Protein backbone atom coordinates (compact mmCIF):
# COMPACT_ATOMS: atom_id res chain seq x y z
CA MET A 1 63.46 211.56 -139.25
CA PRO A 2 66.55 212.66 -141.38
CA ARG A 3 68.66 210.03 -143.03
CA LEU A 4 72.40 210.16 -143.00
CA VAL A 5 73.62 210.50 -146.55
CA GLY A 6 77.23 211.43 -146.38
CA MET A 7 80.02 213.62 -144.88
CA ASN A 8 80.64 217.30 -145.28
CA HIS A 9 84.18 217.60 -143.88
CA ILE A 10 86.94 216.30 -141.62
CA ALA A 11 88.61 218.68 -139.16
CA LEU A 12 92.16 218.11 -137.92
CA GLU A 13 94.12 219.91 -135.38
CA VAL A 14 97.74 220.57 -136.61
CA ASP A 15 100.75 222.27 -135.15
CA ASP A 16 101.63 224.05 -138.29
CA ILE A 17 99.39 224.86 -141.20
CA ASP A 18 102.24 225.10 -143.85
CA GLU A 19 103.75 221.82 -142.71
CA ALA A 20 100.35 220.08 -142.82
CA LEU A 21 99.69 221.35 -146.34
CA ALA A 22 103.14 220.30 -147.35
CA PHE A 23 102.36 216.77 -146.05
CA TRP A 24 99.11 216.47 -148.04
CA GLU A 25 100.77 218.00 -151.17
CA SER A 26 103.46 215.32 -150.94
CA ILE A 27 100.87 212.63 -151.38
CA PHE A 28 98.32 214.41 -153.73
CA GLY A 29 100.32 217.10 -155.56
CA PRO A 30 99.11 220.72 -155.68
CA LEU A 31 96.00 221.27 -153.66
CA THR A 32 92.97 223.37 -154.29
CA LEU A 33 92.07 225.41 -151.11
CA ARG A 34 88.58 226.70 -150.43
CA GLY A 35 90.18 229.24 -148.07
CA ARG A 36 93.31 229.89 -146.14
CA GLY A 37 94.14 232.02 -143.15
CA ARG A 38 96.80 232.01 -140.45
CA GLN A 39 94.90 229.66 -138.26
CA MET A 40 93.02 227.55 -140.75
CA ALA A 41 93.19 226.05 -144.20
CA PHE A 42 90.35 224.33 -146.10
CA VAL A 43 91.38 221.69 -148.65
CA ASP A 44 88.82 221.06 -151.36
CA MET A 45 87.75 217.39 -151.85
CA GLY A 46 84.85 217.76 -154.34
CA ASP A 47 81.61 217.79 -152.28
CA GLN A 48 83.70 217.48 -149.08
CA PHE A 49 86.64 219.25 -147.50
CA LEU A 50 89.54 218.91 -145.13
CA ALA A 51 89.77 221.52 -142.45
CA LEU A 52 93.15 221.95 -141.01
CA ALA A 53 93.09 224.03 -137.73
CA ARG A 54 96.34 225.42 -136.11
CA GLY A 55 96.58 224.89 -132.37
CA ARG A 56 96.77 221.23 -131.54
CA THR A 57 95.53 220.55 -127.97
CA GLN A 58 95.95 216.90 -127.83
CA PRO A 59 99.03 214.73 -128.15
CA ALA A 60 99.64 212.79 -131.44
CA ASP A 61 97.37 209.79 -131.73
CA GLN A 62 98.29 206.56 -133.56
CA HIS A 63 94.85 204.89 -133.34
CA ARG A 64 92.38 207.38 -134.77
CA HIS A 65 92.03 207.38 -138.57
CA PHE A 66 89.75 208.05 -141.56
CA GLY A 67 89.67 206.59 -145.03
CA LEU A 68 89.87 208.51 -148.25
CA VAL A 69 88.73 207.51 -151.67
CA VAL A 70 91.06 208.21 -154.52
CA ASP A 71 90.70 207.66 -158.27
CA ASP A 72 94.18 205.87 -158.54
CA LYS A 73 95.06 203.83 -155.28
CA GLU A 74 98.21 202.39 -156.97
CA ALA A 75 99.54 205.89 -157.38
CA VAL A 76 99.24 206.68 -153.78
C-alpha cells in the first residue's frame, strides 16, 4: 500500500489572477511562476506549487485554511 509522503500543490479559486498574485507578492515579494495564462497561474514553492484558478464558484470562506512553512516567520 502506498505511503503518504507529502503534498504536491494547493489549488485556489480566485476572482482575478492579477489581484491574487498581487496579494501573494505583498507578503512574499516577487514570485517565481511555473506558468501563467489567462485562467491560471502556478506559483513555485520549491517541490510544491500554488495553483490559482480564475473563476470562483463558491462564496468567500472564513474557515478553510492551510499552513505554509517559511524560512523567516518573523518577517511575515
